[in-house]
């Protein structure tokens, strides 16, 4: 899920309008990281 998708979900489901940078700071300050999906990378490789 991308930051844009998270902000859209928050607005659509909860009526909360926030910027992508606000969501990023929320995760960053709590030490929540995003890892690339190894399976997706291998499937995309030639």
PDB file of N, CA and C in Angstrom:
ATOM      1  N   UNK A   1       0.856  -1.165   0.000  1.00  0.00           N
ATOM      2  CA  UNK A   1       0.000   0.000   0.000  1.00  0.00           C
ATOM      3  C   UNK A   1       0.906   1.232   0.000  1.00  0.00           C
ATOM      4  N   UNK A   2       0.637   2.161  -0.877  1.00  0.00           N
ATOM      5  CA  UNK A   2       1.458   3.365  -0.968  1.00  0.00           C
ATOM      6  C   UNK A   2       0.932   4.439  -0.021  1.00  0.00           C
ATOM      7  N   UNK A   3       1.734   5.483   0.175  1.00  0.00           N
ATOM      8  CA  UNK A   3       1.296   6.592   1.017  1.00  0.00           C
ATOM      9  C   UNK A   3       0.041   7.235   0.437  1.00  0.00           C
ATOM     10  N   UNK A   4      -0.026   7.351  -0.890  1.00  0.00           N
ATOM     11  CA  UNK A   4      -1.207   7.926  -1.531  1.00  0.00           C
ATOM     12  C   UNK A   4      -2.442   7.081  -1.253  1.00  0.00           C
ATOM     13  N   UNK A   5      -2.291   5.767  -1.306  1.00  0.00           N
ATOM     14  CA  UNK A   5      -3.413   4.875  -1.020  1.00  0.00           C
ATOM     15  C   UNK A   5      -3.855   4.986   0.436  1.00  0.00           C
ATOM     16  N   UNK A   6      -2.907   5.143   1.338  1.00  0.00           N
ATOM     17  CA  UNK A   6      -3.235   5.284   2.754  1.00  0.00           C
ATOM     18  C   UNK A   6      -4.005   6.577   2.993  1.00  0.00           C
ATOM     19  N   UNK A   7      -3.547   7.689   2.394  1.00  0.00           N
ATOM     20  CA  UNK A   7      -4.247   8.962   2.590  1.00  0.00           C
ATOM     21  C   UNK A   7      -5.650   8.913   1.996  1.00  0.00           C
ATOM     22  N   UNK A   8      -5.803   8.268   0.844  1.00  0.00           N
ATOM     23  CA  UNK A   8      -7.122   8.119   0.224  1.00  0.00           C
ATOM     24  C   UNK A   8      -8.034   7.278   1.122  1.00  0.00           C
ATOM     25  N   UNK A   9      -7.511   6.195   1.655  1.00  0.00           N
ATOM     26  CA  UNK A   9      -8.296   5.330   2.555  1.00  0.00           C
ATOM     27  C   UNK A   9      -8.741   6.111   3.793  1.00  0.00           C
ATOM     28  N   UNK A  10      -7.842   6.871   4.377  1.00  0.00           N
ATOM     29  CA  UNK A  10      -8.193   7.635   5.574  1.00  0.00           C
ATOM     30  C   UNK A  10      -9.326   8.619   5.287  1.00  0.00           C
ATOM     31  N   UNK A  11      -9.285   9.239   4.122  1.00  0.00           N
ATOM     32  CA  UNK A  11     -10.344  10.189   3.771  1.00  0.00           C
ATOM     33  C   UNK A  11     -11.650   9.466   3.447  1.00  0.00           C
ATOM     34  N   UNK A  12     -11.575   8.420   2.632  1.00  0.00           N
ATOM     35  CA  UNK A  12     -12.782   7.706   2.214  1.00  0.00           C
ATOM     36  C   UNK A  12     -13.480   6.992   3.369  1.00  0.00           C
ATOM     37  N   UNK A  13     -12.716   6.330   4.197  1.00  0.00           N
ATOM     38  CA  UNK A  13     -13.298   5.500   5.255  1.00  0.00           C
ATOM     39  C   UNK A  13     -13.522   6.230   6.575  1.00  0.00           C
ATOM     40  N   UNK A  14     -12.698   7.263   6.823  1.00  0.00           N
ATOM     41  CA  UNK A  14     -12.751   7.906   8.139  1.00  0.00           C
ATOM     42  C   UNK A  14     -12.994   9.415   8.078  1.00  0.00           C
ATOM     43  N   UNK A  15     -13.071   9.973   6.860  1.00  0.00           N
ATOM     44  CA  UNK A  15     -13.298  11.406   6.715  1.00  0.00           C
ATOM     45  C   UNK A  15     -12.139  12.255   7.191  1.00  0.00           C
ATOM     46  N   UNK A  16     -10.956  11.674   7.232  1.00  0.00           N
ATOM     47  CA  UNK A  16      -9.769  12.353   7.739  1.00  0.00           C
ATOM     48  C   UNK A  16      -8.874  12.745   6.574  1.00  0.00           C
ATOM     49  N   UNK A  17      -8.697  14.045   6.361  1.00  0.00           N
ATOM     50  CA  UNK A  17      -7.848  14.507   5.265  1.00  0.00           C
ATOM     51  C   UNK A  17      -6.458  14.829   5.816  1.00  0.00           C
ATOM     52  N   UNK A  18      -5.473  14.103   5.334  1.00  0.00           N
ATOM     53  CA  UNK A  18      -4.082  14.314   5.743  1.00  0.00           C
ATOM     54  C   UNK A  18      -3.203  14.267   4.498  1.00  0.00           C
ATOM     55  N   UNK A  19      -2.030  14.865   4.599  1.00  0.00           N
ATOM     56  CA  UNK A  19      -1.090  14.822   3.478  1.00  0.00           C
ATOM     57  C   UNK A  19      -0.251  13.551   3.566  1.00  0.00           C
ATOM     58  N   UNK A  20       0.371  13.207   2.448  1.00  0.00           N
ATOM     59  CA  UNK A  20       1.242  12.040   2.424  1.00  0.00           C
ATOM     60  C   UNK A  20       2.414  12.225   3.380  1.00  0.00           C
ATOM     61  N   UNK A  21       2.902  13.465   3.498  1.00  0.00           N
ATOM     62  CA  UNK A  21       4.034  13.701   4.401  1.00  0.00           C
ATOM     63  C   UNK A  21       3.633  13.468   5.857  1.00  0.00           C
ATOM     64  N   UNK A  22       2.398  13.753   6.206  1.00  0.00           N
ATOM     65  CA  UNK A  22       1.923  13.502   7.569  1.00  0.00           C
ATOM     66  C   UNK A  22       1.913  12.006   7.864  1.00  0.00           C
ATOM     67  N   UNK A  23       1.442  11.227   6.905  1.00  0.00           N
ATOM     68  CA  UNK A  23       1.420   9.771   7.074  1.00  0.00           C
ATOM     69  C   UNK A  23       2.844   9.246   7.175  1.00  0.00           C
ATOM     70  N   UNK A  24       3.735   9.736   6.316  1.00  0.00           N
ATOM     71  CA  UNK A  24       5.129   9.291   6.337  1.00  0.00           C
ATOM     72  C   UNK A  24       5.762   9.602   7.694  1.00  0.00           C
ATOM     73  N   UNK A  25       5.551  10.818   8.204  1.00  0.00           N
ATOM     74  CA  UNK A  25       6.120  11.183   9.513  1.00  0.00           C
ATOM     75  C   UNK A  25       5.559  10.308  10.625  1.00  0.00           C
ATOM     76  N   UNK A  26       4.265   9.981  10.559  1.00  0.00           N
ATOM     77  CA  UNK A  26       3.650   9.100  11.566  1.00  0.00           C
ATOM     78  C   UNK A  26       4.395   7.776  11.628  1.00  0.00           C
ATOM     79  N   UNK A  27       4.594   7.138  10.459  1.00  0.00           N
ATOM     80  CA  UNK A  27       5.293   5.853  10.430  1.00  0.00           C
ATOM     81  C   UNK A  27       6.759   6.008  10.823  1.00  0.00           C
ATOM     82  N   UNK A  28       7.424   7.031  10.336  1.00  0.00           N
ATOM     83  CA  UNK A  28       8.849   7.243  10.601  1.00  0.00           C
ATOM     84  C   UNK A  28       9.113   7.432  12.096  1.00  0.00           C
ATOM     85  N   UNK A  29       8.302   8.244  12.747  1.00  0.00           N
ATOM     86  CA  UNK A  29       8.504   8.527  14.169  1.00  0.00           C
ATOM     87  C   UNK A  29       8.267   7.305  15.052  1.00  0.00           C
ATOM     88  N   UNK A  30       7.516   6.349  14.536  1.00  0.00           N
ATOM     89  CA  UNK A  30       7.255   5.126  15.291  1.00  0.00           C
ATOM     90  C   UNK A  30       8.167   3.984  14.882  1.00  0.00           C
ATOM     91  N   UNK A  31       9.098   4.270  13.977  1.00  0.00           N
ATOM     92  CA  UNK A  31      10.064   3.263  13.557  1.00  0.00           C
ATOM     93  C   UNK A  31       9.478   2.197  12.651  1.00  0.00           C
ATOM     94  N   UNK A  32       8.337   2.503  12.016  1.00  0.00           N
ATOM     95  CA  UNK A  32       7.707   1.548  11.109  1.00  0.00           C
ATOM     96  C   UNK A  32       8.344   1.715   9.740  1.00  0.00           C
ATOM     97  N   UNK A  33       8.911   0.632   9.212  1.00  0.00           N
ATOM     98  CA  UNK A  33       9.599   0.709   7.929  1.00  0.00           C
ATOM     99  C   UNK A  33       8.855  -0.093   6.877  1.00  0.00           C
ATOM    100  N   UNK A  34       9.170   0.204   5.645  1.00  0.00           N
ATOM    101  CA  UNK A  34       8.563  -0.482   4.518  1.00  0.00           C
ATOM    102  C   UNK A  34       9.655  -1.239   3.785  1.00  0.00           C
ATOM    103  N   UNK A  35       9.449  -2.500   3.591  1.00  0.00           N
ATOM    104  CA  UNK A  35      10.424  -3.338   2.901  1.00  0.00           C
ATOM    105  C   UNK A  35       9.905  -3.675   1.516  1.00  0.00           C
ATOM    106  N   UNK A  36      10.820  -3.777   0.580  1.00  0.00           N
ATOM    107  CA  UNK A  36      10.431  -4.220  -0.757  1.00  0.00           C
ATOM    108  C   UNK A  36      10.085  -5.697  -0.694  1.00  0.00           C
ATOM    109  N   UNK A  37       9.108  -6.097  -1.449  1.00  0.00           N
ATOM    110  CA  UNK A  37       8.672  -7.484  -1.481  1.00  0.00           C
ATOM    111  C   UNK A  37       9.588  -8.265  -2.414  1.00  0.00           C
ATOM    112  N   UNK A  38      10.365  -9.191  -1.890  1.00  0.00           N
ATOM    113  CA  UNK A  38      11.310  -9.975  -2.672  1.00  0.00           C
ATOM    114  C   UNK A  38      10.651 -10.793  -3.759  1.00  0.00           C
ATOM    115  N   UNK A  39       9.482 -11.326  -3.488  1.00  0.00           N
ATOM    116  CA  UNK A  39       8.763 -12.116  -4.480  1.00  0.00           C
ATOM    117  C   UNK A  39       8.363 -11.251  -5.658  1.00  0.00           C
ATOM    118  N   UNK A  40       7.874 -10.060  -5.390  1.00  0.00           N
ATOM    119  CA  UNK A  40       7.471  -9.151  -6.447  1.00  0.00           C
ATOM    120  C   UNK A  40       8.676  -8.750  -7.288  1.00  0.00           C
ATOM    121  N   UNK A  41       9.822  -8.509  -6.651  1.00  0.00           N
ATOM    122  CA  UNK A  41      11.026  -8.135  -7.386  1.00  0.00           C
ATOM    123  C   UNK A  41      11.470  -9.253  -8.304  1.00  0.00           C
ATOM    124  N   UNK A  42      11.462 -10.493  -7.820  1.00  0.00           N
ATOM    125  CA  UNK A  42      11.888 -11.622  -8.634  1.00  0.00           C
ATOM    126  C   UNK A  42      10.948 -11.842  -9.812  1.00  0.00           C
ATOM    127  N   UNK A  43       9.670 -11.643  -9.609  1.00  0.00           N
ATOM    128  CA  UNK A  43       8.696 -11.843 -10.686  1.00  0.00           C
ATOM    129  C   UNK A  43       8.872 -10.792 -11.777  1.00  0.00           C
ATOM    130  N   UNK A  44       9.320  -9.587 -11.409  1.00  0.00           N
ATOM    131  CA  UNK A  44       9.475  -8.515 -12.381  1.00  0.00           C
ATOM    132  C   UNK A  44      10.806  -8.596 -13.128  1.00  0.00           C
ATOM    133  N   UNK A  45      11.771  -9.314 -12.566  1.00  0.00           N
ATOM    134  CA  UNK A  45      13.089  -9.408 -13.191  1.00  0.00           C
ATOM    135  C   UNK A  45      13.003 -10.279 -14.453  1.00  0.00           C
ATOM    136  N   UNK A  46      13.793  -9.916 -15.492  1.00  0.00           N
ATOM    137  CA  UNK A  46      13.759 -10.691 -16.727  1.00  0.00           C
ATOM    138  C   UNK A  46      14.340 -12.082 -16.577  1.00  0.00           C
TER     139      UNK A  46
END
